[in-house]
């Protein structure tokens, strides 16, 4: 597939067609079935941003989400529960599922994995469901703050390395419960700014390559915490960099701009606009 060297145009029609084409019945579809809810969420939000949310039939989307509520599908998990709730909010269909069944746990699954992603997912879910009263918010905040590091960032668990994705989750969770005053804004702001590489892209932690998804995590964390943005827009501007992985024929995005071993990075729904 041909890629643009430089492009300032977003191929909206091609992106819409690509997202619609993901509803297939081939082997790859079934091998990635456990990722389907996240794919629907990212695809639907991309369509919404492009003013094409109706490109996926509302009744079909809601029906699929409802079919995933336990005990009908794979083992339940908090991350996918958040995706489901967000999808239903977008489609204005929260009444289609058993809300009380959702209000249960901060662990990722029945095996008890702990991670700040789950703290964010739980608080975000409960906020959307207007049920923050169902949990001990003070305890949730205490756990998040235990995951704060000397560099101002946050890790997945106490003592874990700071990562832009985890920072997005922790800052977002604190914002939901009106506790952003606990964040060291200046220190965290500089750590996030240092994620920008010479090509203008952003990585998730030191010594890593840039990734399109991390533009969202880093900038969202900055904006959520009302930090003064110090991300450079000169070397080069971020929008062209974000458009660089765009493929002209498919209209899709991969996670990186570079080509490896003569093959392009594969596009996916998560990297769409």
C-alpha atoms as a PDB file:
ATOM      1  CA  UNK A   1       0.000   0.000   0.000  1.00  0.00           C
ATOM      2  CA  UNK A   2       1.159   3.478  -0.799  1.00  0.00           C
ATOM      3  CA  UNK A   3       1.813   5.894   2.027  1.00  0.00           C
ATOM      4  CA  UNK A   4       1.934   9.666   1.845  1.00  0.00           C
ATOM      5  CA  UNK A   5       5.289  11.259   2.522  1.00  0.00           C
ATOM      6  CA  UNK A   6       3.618  14.436   3.717  1.00  0.00           C
ATOM      7  CA  UNK A   7      -0.097  14.925   4.118  1.00  0.00           C
ATOM      8  CA  UNK A   8      -2.272  17.545   5.757  1.00  0.00           C
ATOM      9  CA  UNK A   9      -5.507  15.878   4.647  1.00  0.00           C
ATOM     10  CA  UNK A  10      -7.560  13.418   6.682  1.00  0.00           C
ATOM     11  CA  UNK A  11      -9.164  10.869   4.341  1.00  0.00           C
ATOM     12  CA  UNK A  12     -12.477  10.755   6.195  1.00  0.00           C
ATOM     13  CA  UNK A  13     -14.429   8.660   3.693  1.00  0.00           C
ATOM     14  CA  UNK A  14     -11.719   6.004   3.568  1.00  0.00           C
ATOM     15  CA  UNK A  15     -11.489   5.849   7.364  1.00  0.00           C
ATOM     16  CA  UNK A  16     -15.245   5.345   7.613  1.00  0.00           C
ATOM     17  CA  UNK A  17     -15.168   2.559   5.014  1.00  0.00           C
ATOM     18  CA  UNK A  18     -12.255   0.857   6.788  1.00  0.00           C
ATOM     19  CA  UNK A  19     -14.042   0.838  10.151  1.00  0.00           C
ATOM     20  CA  UNK A  20     -17.189  -0.530   8.534  1.00  0.00           C
ATOM     21  CA  UNK A  21     -15.142  -3.269   6.848  1.00  0.00           C
ATOM     22  CA  UNK A  22     -13.961  -4.657  10.195  1.00  0.00           C
ATOM     23  CA  UNK A  23     -17.266  -6.457  10.734  1.00  0.00           C
ATOM     24  CA  UNK A  24     -16.244  -9.606   8.872  1.00  0.00           C
ATOM     25  CA  UNK A  25     -16.526 -13.340   9.366  1.00  0.00           C
ATOM     26  CA  UNK A  26     -12.966 -14.455   8.603  1.00  0.00           C
ATOM     27  CA  UNK A  27     -10.527 -16.366  10.799  1.00  0.00           C
ATOM     28  CA  UNK A  28      -8.799 -13.221  12.090  1.00  0.00           C
ATOM     29  CA  UNK A  29     -12.156 -11.883  13.311  1.00  0.00           C
ATOM     30  CA  UNK A  30     -12.690 -14.914  15.544  1.00  0.00           C
ATOM     31  CA  UNK A  31      -9.073 -15.062  16.743  1.00  0.00           C
ATOM     32  CA  UNK A  32      -9.436 -11.498  18.019  1.00  0.00           C
ATOM     33  CA  UNK A  33     -12.972 -11.888  19.362  1.00  0.00           C
ATOM     34  CA  UNK A  34     -11.834 -11.107  22.916  1.00  0.00           C
ATOM     35  CA  UNK A  35     -10.740  -7.648  21.695  1.00  0.00           C
ATOM     36  CA  UNK A  36     -13.989  -6.880  19.905  1.00  0.00           C
ATOM     37  CA  UNK A  37     -15.525  -4.526  22.475  1.00  0.00           C
ATOM     38  CA  UNK A  38     -12.438  -2.310  22.534  1.00  0.00           C
ATOM     39  CA  UNK A  39     -12.418  -2.287  18.736  1.00  0.00           C
ATOM     40  CA  UNK A  40     -16.073  -1.237  18.648  1.00  0.00           C
ATOM     41  CA  UNK A  41     -15.382   1.565  21.138  1.00  0.00           C
ATOM     42  CA  UNK A  42     -12.378   2.983  19.289  1.00  0.00           C
ATOM     43  CA  UNK A  43     -14.087   2.602  15.931  1.00  0.00           C
ATOM     44  CA  UNK A  44     -17.281   4.248  17.175  1.00  0.00           C
ATOM     45  CA  UNK A  45     -15.473   7.187  18.785  1.00  0.00           C
ATOM     46  CA  UNK A  46     -13.434   7.701  15.598  1.00  0.00           C
ATOM     47  CA  UNK A  47     -16.667   7.766  13.593  1.00  0.00           C
ATOM     48  CA  UNK A  48     -18.190  10.198  16.094  1.00  0.00           C
ATOM     49  CA  UNK A  49     -15.199  12.543  15.756  1.00  0.00           C
ATOM     50  CA  UNK A  50     -15.670  12.425  11.978  1.00  0.00           C
ATOM     51  CA  UNK A  51     -19.417  13.139  12.349  1.00  0.00           C
ATOM     52  CA  UNK A  52     -20.239   9.656  11.054  1.00  0.00           C
ATOM     53  CA  UNK A  53     -21.386   7.833  14.184  1.00  0.00           C
ATOM     54  CA  UNK A  54     -24.391   6.463  12.282  1.00  0.00           C
ATOM     55  CA  UNK A  55     -22.062   4.584   9.911  1.00  0.00           C
ATOM     56  CA  UNK A  56     -22.473   1.673  12.346  1.00  0.00           C
ATOM     57  CA  UNK A  57     -26.106   0.731  12.911  1.00  0.00           C
ATOM     58  CA  UNK A  58     -27.100   1.722  16.433  1.00  0.00           C
ATOM     59  CA  UNK A  59     -29.322  -1.312  17.020  1.00  0.00           C
ATOM     60  CA  UNK A  60     -26.567  -3.695  15.903  1.00  0.00           C
ATOM     61  CA  UNK A  61     -23.973  -2.029  18.154  1.00  0.00           C
ATOM     62  CA  UNK A  62     -26.266  -2.102  21.207  1.00  0.00           C
ATOM     63  CA  UNK A  63     -27.302  -5.701  20.535  1.00  0.00           C
ATOM     64  CA  UNK A  64     -23.652  -6.787  20.366  1.00  0.00           C
ATOM     65  CA  UNK A  65     -22.712  -4.994  23.599  1.00  0.00           C
ATOM     66  CA  UNK A  66     -25.655  -6.535  25.445  1.00  0.00           C
ATOM     67  CA  UNK A  67     -24.648  -9.988  24.206  1.00  0.00           C
ATOM     68  CA  UNK A  68     -21.261  -9.541  25.909  1.00  0.00           C
ATOM     69  CA  UNK A  69     -22.649  -9.033  29.402  1.00  0.00           C
ATOM     70  CA  UNK A  70     -21.701 -12.055  31.509  1.00  0.00           C
ATOM     71  CA  UNK A  71     -22.702 -14.964  31.414  1.00  0.00           C
ATOM     72  CA  UNK A  72     -23.033 -14.850  27.654  1.00  0.00           C
ATOM     73  CA  UNK A  73     -19.466 -14.377  26.434  1.00  0.00           C
ATOM     74  CA  UNK A  74     -15.855 -14.496  27.602  1.00  0.00           C
ATOM     75  CA  UNK A  75     -14.893 -14.077  31.262  1.00  0.00           C
ATOM     76  CA  UNK A  76     -15.900 -10.561  32.382  1.00  0.00           C
ATOM     77  CA  UNK A  77     -13.179  -7.922  32.779  1.00  0.00           C
ATOM     78  CA  UNK A  78     -13.295  -4.358  34.078  1.00  0.00           C
ATOM     79  CA  UNK A  79     -11.511  -2.850  31.063  1.00  0.00           C
ATOM     80  CA  UNK A  80     -14.077  -4.197  28.631  1.00  0.00           C
ATOM     81  CA  UNK A  81     -16.887  -3.275  31.001  1.00  0.00           C
ATOM     82  CA  UNK A  82     -15.758   0.352  30.703  1.00  0.00           C
ATOM     83  CA  UNK A  83     -15.696   0.078  26.915  1.00  0.00           C
ATOM     84  CA  UNK A  84     -19.228  -1.352  26.986  1.00  0.00           C
ATOM     85  CA  UNK A  85     -20.558   1.412  29.239  1.00  0.00           C
ATOM     86  CA  UNK A  86     -18.909   4.112  27.114  1.00  0.00           C
ATOM     87  CA  UNK A  87     -20.371   2.636  23.932  1.00  0.00           C
ATOM     88  CA  UNK A  88     -23.849   2.551  25.463  1.00  0.00           C
ATOM     89  CA  UNK A  89     -23.488   6.161  26.640  1.00  0.00           C
ATOM     90  CA  UNK A  90     -22.542   7.221  23.097  1.00  0.00           C
ATOM     91  CA  UNK A  91     -25.561   5.325  21.766  1.00  0.00           C
ATOM     92  CA  UNK A  92     -27.786   6.607  24.604  1.00  0.00           C
ATOM     93  CA  UNK A  93     -28.697   3.028  25.531  1.00  0.00           C
ATOM     94  CA  UNK A  94     -27.566   2.424  29.124  1.00  0.00           C
ATOM     95  CA  UNK A  95     -31.004   1.033  29.904  1.00  0.00           C
ATOM     96  CA  UNK A  96     -30.231  -1.945  27.645  1.00  0.00           C
ATOM     97  CA  UNK A  97     -28.015  -3.625  30.271  1.00  0.00           C
ATOM     98  CA  UNK A  98     -28.234  -4.618  33.922  1.00  0.00           C
ATOM     99  CA  UNK A  99     -26.491  -1.658  35.555  1.00  0.00           C
ATOM    100  CA  UNK A 100     -26.489  -3.126  39.069  1.00  0.00           C
ATOM    101  CA  UNK A 101     -24.618  -6.148  37.786  1.00  0.00           C
ATOM    102  CA  UNK A 102     -21.800  -3.882  36.645  1.00  0.00           C
ATOM    103  CA  UNK A 103     -21.273  -2.176  40.025  1.00  0.00           C
ATOM    104  CA  UNK A 104     -19.031  -4.759  41.650  1.00  0.00           C
ATOM    105  CA  UNK A 105     -15.229  -4.655  41.648  1.00  0.00           C
ATOM    106  CA  UNK A 106     -11.948  -2.759  41.236  1.00  0.00           C
ATOM    107  CA  UNK A 107      -9.977  -5.873  40.331  1.00  0.00           C
ATOM    108  CA  UNK A 108      -9.593  -6.539  36.633  1.00  0.00           C
ATOM    109  CA  UNK A 109     -11.248  -9.952  36.755  1.00  0.00           C
ATOM    110  CA  UNK A 110     -12.286 -12.708  39.148  1.00  0.00           C
ATOM    111  CA  UNK A 111      -8.618 -13.641  39.719  1.00  0.00           C
ATOM    112  CA  UNK A 112      -7.949 -10.353  41.513  1.00  0.00           C
ATOM    113  CA  UNK A 113      -5.336  -8.570  39.347  1.00  0.00           C
ATOM    114  CA  UNK A 114      -4.650  -5.040  40.638  1.00  0.00           C
ATOM    115  CA  UNK A 115      -3.688  -2.152  38.349  1.00  0.00           C
ATOM    116  CA  UNK A 116      -4.307   1.615  38.246  1.00  0.00           C
ATOM    117  CA  UNK A 117      -5.992   1.057  34.877  1.00  0.00           C
ATOM    118  CA  UNK A 118      -8.712  -0.746  36.794  1.00  0.00           C
ATOM    119  CA  UNK A 119      -9.019   2.092  39.305  1.00  0.00           C
ATOM    120  CA  UNK A 120      -9.638   4.477  36.413  1.00  0.00           C
ATOM    121  CA  UNK A 121     -11.978   2.060  34.656  1.00  0.00           C
ATOM    122  CA  UNK A 122     -14.047   1.475  37.792  1.00  0.00           C
ATOM    123  CA  UNK A 123     -14.340   5.150  38.721  1.00  0.00           C
ATOM    124  CA  UNK A 124     -15.100   6.117  35.126  1.00  0.00           C
ATOM    125  CA  UNK A 125     -17.787   3.420  34.869  1.00  0.00           C
ATOM    126  CA  UNK A 126     -19.381   4.384  38.165  1.00  0.00           C
ATOM    127  CA  UNK A 127     -19.297   8.065  37.251  1.00  0.00           C
ATOM    128  CA  UNK A 128     -21.062   7.384  33.933  1.00  0.00           C
ATOM    129  CA  UNK A 129     -23.597   5.213  35.788  1.00  0.00           C
ATOM    130  CA  UNK A 130     -23.962   7.891  38.505  1.00  0.00           C
ATOM    131  CA  UNK A 131     -23.025   5.340  41.180  1.00  0.00           C
ATOM    132  CA  UNK A 132     -19.801   6.646  42.739  1.00  0.00           C
ATOM    133  CA  UNK A 133     -21.579   6.223  46.052  1.00  0.00           C
ATOM    134  CA  UNK A 134     -21.165   2.447  45.664  1.00  0.00           C
ATOM    135  CA  UNK A 135     -17.426   2.516  46.469  1.00  0.00           C
ATOM    136  CA  UNK A 136     -15.004   3.900  49.046  1.00  0.00           C
ATOM    137  CA  UNK A 137     -13.660   6.810  47.000  1.00  0.00           C
ATOM    138  CA  UNK A 138     -11.136   7.767  49.703  1.00  0.00           C
ATOM    139  CA  UNK A 139      -9.547   4.296  49.575  1.00  0.00           C
ATOM    140  CA  UNK A 140      -9.438   4.441  45.793  1.00  0.00           C
ATOM    141  CA  UNK A 141      -7.563   7.751  45.950  1.00  0.00           C
ATOM    142  CA  UNK A 142      -5.130   6.370  48.529  1.00  0.00           C
ATOM    143  CA  UNK A 143      -4.215   3.450  46.257  1.00  0.00           C
ATOM    144  CA  UNK A 144      -3.632   5.737  43.283  1.00  0.00           C
ATOM    145  CA  UNK A 145      -1.362   7.972  45.341  1.00  0.00           C
ATOM    146  CA  UNK A 146       0.644   4.918  46.468  1.00  0.00           C
ATOM    147  CA  UNK A 147       1.474   4.462  42.772  1.00  0.00           C
ATOM    148  CA  UNK A 148       2.908   7.977  42.422  1.00  0.00           C
ATOM    149  CA  UNK A 149       6.668   8.057  41.727  1.00  0.00           C
ATOM    150  CA  UNK A 150       9.526  10.436  42.516  1.00  0.00           C
ATOM    151  CA  UNK A 151       9.418  11.746  38.919  1.00  0.00           C
ATOM    152  CA  UNK A 152       5.830  12.932  39.333  1.00  0.00           C
ATOM    153  CA  UNK A 153       4.414  10.119  37.201  1.00  0.00           C
ATOM    154  CA  UNK A 154       2.345   7.076  38.098  1.00  0.00           C
ATOM    155  CA  UNK A 155       2.837   3.341  37.603  1.00  0.00           C
ATOM    156  CA  UNK A 156       0.501   0.373  37.398  1.00  0.00           C
ATOM    157  CA  UNK A 157       1.110  -0.651  41.027  1.00  0.00           C
ATOM    158  CA  UNK A 158       3.096   0.818  43.945  1.00  0.00           C
ATOM    159  CA  UNK A 159       6.778   0.990  42.919  1.00  0.00           C
ATOM    160  CA  UNK A 160       6.110   0.313  39.229  1.00  0.00           C
ATOM    161  CA  UNK A 161       7.726   2.449  36.519  1.00  0.00           C
ATOM    162  CA  UNK A 162       5.961   5.625  35.384  1.00  0.00           C
ATOM    163  CA  UNK A 163       4.228   5.297  32.007  1.00  0.00           C
ATOM    164  CA  UNK A 164       2.151   7.772  30.015  1.00  0.00           C
ATOM    165  CA  UNK A 165      -0.734   5.293  29.769  1.00  0.00           C
ATOM    166  CA  UNK A 166      -0.847   4.795  33.529  1.00  0.00           C
ATOM    167  CA  UNK A 167      -0.510   8.540  34.087  1.00  0.00           C
ATOM    168  CA  UNK A 168      -3.515   9.096  31.833  1.00  0.00           C
ATOM    169  CA  UNK A 169      -5.473   6.617  33.966  1.00  0.00           C
ATOM    170  CA  UNK A 170      -4.378   8.015  37.336  1.00  0.00           C
ATOM    171  CA  UNK A 171      -4.831  11.671  36.425  1.00  0.00           C
ATOM    172  CA  UNK A 172      -8.182  10.839  34.836  1.00  0.00           C
ATOM    173  CA  UNK A 173      -9.309   8.917  37.931  1.00  0.00           C
ATOM    174  CA  UNK A 174      -8.283  11.768  40.234  1.00  0.00           C
ATOM    175  CA  UNK A 175     -10.127  14.244  38.006  1.00  0.00           C
ATOM    176  CA  UNK A 176     -13.313  12.169  38.239  1.00  0.00           C
ATOM    177  CA  UNK A 177     -13.235  12.313  42.050  1.00  0.00           C
ATOM    178  CA  UNK A 178     -12.156  15.985  42.217  1.00  0.00           C
ATOM    179  CA  UNK A 179      -8.670  15.261  43.587  1.00  0.00           C
ATOM    180  CA  UNK A 180      -6.315  16.776  41.001  1.00  0.00           C
ATOM    181  CA  UNK A 181      -4.790  18.891  43.750  1.00  0.00           C
ATOM    182  CA  UNK A 182      -2.864  15.749  44.771  1.00  0.00           C
ATOM    183  CA  UNK A 183      -0.890  15.761  41.517  1.00  0.00           C
ATOM    184  CA  UNK A 184       2.477  17.549  41.383  1.00  0.00           C
ATOM    185  CA  UNK A 185       1.534  19.506  38.266  1.00  0.00           C
ATOM    186  CA  UNK A 186       4.957  21.043  37.539  1.00  0.00           C
ATOM    187  CA  UNK A 187       6.945  17.832  38.027  1.00  0.00           C
ATOM    188  CA  UNK A 188       4.471  15.692  36.081  1.00  0.00           C
ATOM    189  CA  UNK A 189       4.226  18.331  33.366  1.00  0.00           C
ATOM    190  CA  UNK A 190       7.960  18.229  32.717  1.00  0.00           C
ATOM    191  CA  UNK A 191       7.990  14.408  32.691  1.00  0.00           C
ATOM    192  CA  UNK A 192       5.232  14.411  30.070  1.00  0.00           C
ATOM    193  CA  UNK A 193       6.982  17.073  27.990  1.00  0.00           C
ATOM    194  CA  UNK A 194      10.130  14.956  27.958  1.00  0.00           C
ATOM    195  CA  UNK A 195       8.194  12.239  26.146  1.00  0.00           C
ATOM    196  CA  UNK A 196       8.528  14.174  22.902  1.00  0.00           C
ATOM    197  CA  UNK A 197      11.235  12.925  20.537  1.00  0.00           C
ATOM    198  CA  UNK A 198      13.197  14.820  17.889  1.00  0.00           C
ATOM    199  CA  UNK A 199      10.719  13.857  15.162  1.00  0.00           C
ATOM    200  CA  UNK A 200       7.887  15.448  17.151  1.00  0.00           C
ATOM    201  CA  UNK A 201       6.341  12.127  18.216  1.00  0.00           C
ATOM    202  CA  UNK A 202       5.719  11.042  21.791  1.00  0.00           C
ATOM    203  CA  UNK A 203       6.775   7.902  23.625  1.00  0.00           C
ATOM    204  CA  UNK A 204       5.271   6.377  26.746  1.00  0.00           C
ATOM    205  CA  UNK A 205       8.454   6.195  28.830  1.00  0.00           C
ATOM    206  CA  UNK A 206      12.162   6.998  28.459  1.00  0.00           C
ATOM    207  CA  UNK A 207      14.228   5.278  25.736  1.00  0.00           C
ATOM    208  CA  UNK A 208      11.211   4.097  23.748  1.00  0.00           C
ATOM    209  CA  UNK A 209      10.025   4.888  20.206  1.00  0.00           C
ATOM    210  CA  UNK A 210       7.163   7.215  19.417  1.00  0.00           C
ATOM    211  CA  UNK A 211       3.676   5.777  19.051  1.00  0.00           C
ATOM    212  CA  UNK A 212       0.578   7.492  17.736  1.00  0.00           C
ATOM    213  CA  UNK A 213      -1.611   6.233  20.615  1.00  0.00           C
ATOM    214  CA  UNK A 214       0.704   7.933  23.098  1.00  0.00           C
ATOM    215  CA  UNK A 215      -0.050  11.367  21.633  1.00  0.00           C
ATOM    216  CA  UNK A 216      -3.506  10.937  23.124  1.00  0.00           C
ATOM    217  CA  UNK A 217      -2.269   9.695  26.504  1.00  0.00           C
ATOM    218  CA  UNK A 218       0.344  12.426  26.982  1.00  0.00           C
ATOM    219  CA  UNK A 219      -1.728  15.362  25.753  1.00  0.00           C
ATOM    220  CA  UNK A 220      -4.895  14.153  27.502  1.00  0.00           C
ATOM    221  CA  UNK A 221      -2.997  13.884  30.800  1.00  0.00           C
ATOM    222  CA  UNK A 222      -1.663  17.408  30.301  1.00  0.00           C
ATOM    223  CA  UNK A 223      -5.056  18.901  29.474  1.00  0.00           C
ATOM    224  CA  UNK A 224      -6.908  16.969  32.197  1.00  0.00           C
ATOM    225  CA  UNK A 225      -4.544  18.353  34.803  1.00  0.00           C
ATOM    226  CA  UNK A 226      -4.753  21.846  33.258  1.00  0.00           C
ATOM    227  CA  UNK A 227      -0.989  21.848  32.770  1.00  0.00           C
ATOM    228  CA  UNK A 228       0.744  24.465  30.646  1.00  0.00           C
ATOM    229  CA  UNK A 229       1.629  22.611  27.455  1.00  0.00           C
ATOM    230  CA  UNK A 230       5.319  22.677  26.594  1.00  0.00           C
ATOM    231  CA  UNK A 231       5.097  20.161  23.751  1.00  0.00           C
ATOM    232  CA  UNK A 232       6.947  21.633  20.768  1.00  0.00           C
ATOM    233  CA  UNK A 233       4.951  22.456  17.657  1.00  0.00           C
ATOM    234  CA  UNK A 234       8.001  23.424  15.636  1.00  0.00           C
ATOM    235  CA  UNK A 235      10.052  20.250  15.013  1.00  0.00           C
ATOM    236  CA  UNK A 236       7.763  19.184  13.302  1.00  0.00           C
ATOM    237  CA  UNK A 237       4.114  20.110  14.068  1.00  0.00           C
ATOM    238  CA  UNK A 238       2.146  17.263  15.652  1.00  0.00           C
ATOM    239  CA  UNK A 239      -0.796  17.053  13.201  1.00  0.00           C
ATOM    240  CA  UNK A 240       1.355  16.144  10.144  1.00  0.00           C
ATOM    241  CA  UNK A 241       3.218  13.578  12.273  1.00  0.00           C
ATOM    242  CA  UNK A 242      -0.084  12.042  13.335  1.00  0.00           C
ATOM    243  CA  UNK A 243      -1.192  11.884   9.706  1.00  0.00           C
ATOM    244  CA  UNK A 244       2.105  10.379   8.472  1.00  0.00           C
ATOM    245  CA  UNK A 245       1.130   6.735   9.248  1.00  0.00           C
ATOM    246  CA  UNK A 246      -2.053   7.240   7.179  1.00  0.00           C
ATOM    247  CA  UNK A 247      -2.328   4.876   4.220  1.00  0.00           C
ATOM    248  CA  UNK A 248      -3.718   6.411   1.045  1.00  0.00           C
ATOM    249  CA  UNK A 249      -5.548   3.366  -0.321  1.00  0.00           C
ATOM    250  CA  UNK A 250      -7.129   2.055   2.876  1.00  0.00           C
ATOM    251  CA  UNK A 251      -7.346   5.437   4.594  1.00  0.00           C
ATOM    252  CA  UNK A 252      -6.198   3.765   7.801  1.00  0.00           C
ATOM    253  CA  UNK A 253      -3.624   4.500  10.481  1.00  0.00           C
ATOM    254  CA  UNK A 254      -0.852   2.294  11.813  1.00  0.00           C
ATOM    255  CA  UNK A 255       0.807   2.962  15.154  1.00  0.00           C
ATOM    256  CA  UNK A 256       4.109   4.195  13.712  1.00  0.00           C
ATOM    257  CA  UNK A 257       5.238   6.178  10.692  1.00  0.00           C
ATOM    258  CA  UNK A 258       8.309   4.137   9.761  1.00  0.00           C
ATOM    259  CA  UNK A 259       8.500   1.081   7.543  1.00  0.00           C
ATOM    260  CA  UNK A 260      10.176  -2.051   8.938  1.00  0.00           C
ATOM    261  CA  UNK A 261      11.788  -4.754   6.752  1.00  0.00           C
ATOM    262  CA  UNK A 262      10.025  -3.336   3.717  1.00  0.00           C
ATOM    263  CA  UNK A 263       6.576  -3.895   5.217  1.00  0.00           C
ATOM    264  CA  UNK A 264       4.197  -1.281   6.546  1.00  0.00           C
ATOM    265  CA  UNK A 265       2.827  -1.367  10.059  1.00  0.00           C
ATOM    266  CA  UNK A 266      -0.626  -2.904  10.062  1.00  0.00           C
ATOM    267  CA  UNK A 267      -3.548  -0.518  10.620  1.00  0.00           C
ATOM    268  CA  UNK A 268      -6.100  -1.197  13.342  1.00  0.00           C
ATOM    269  CA  UNK A 269      -9.192   0.358  14.857  1.00  0.00           C
ATOM    270  CA  UNK A 270      -7.349   1.647  17.936  1.00  0.00           C
ATOM    271  CA  UNK A 271      -5.115   3.906  15.818  1.00  0.00           C
ATOM    272  CA  UNK A 272      -7.939   5.506  13.832  1.00  0.00           C
ATOM    273  CA  UNK A 273      -8.540   9.231  14.448  1.00  0.00           C
END
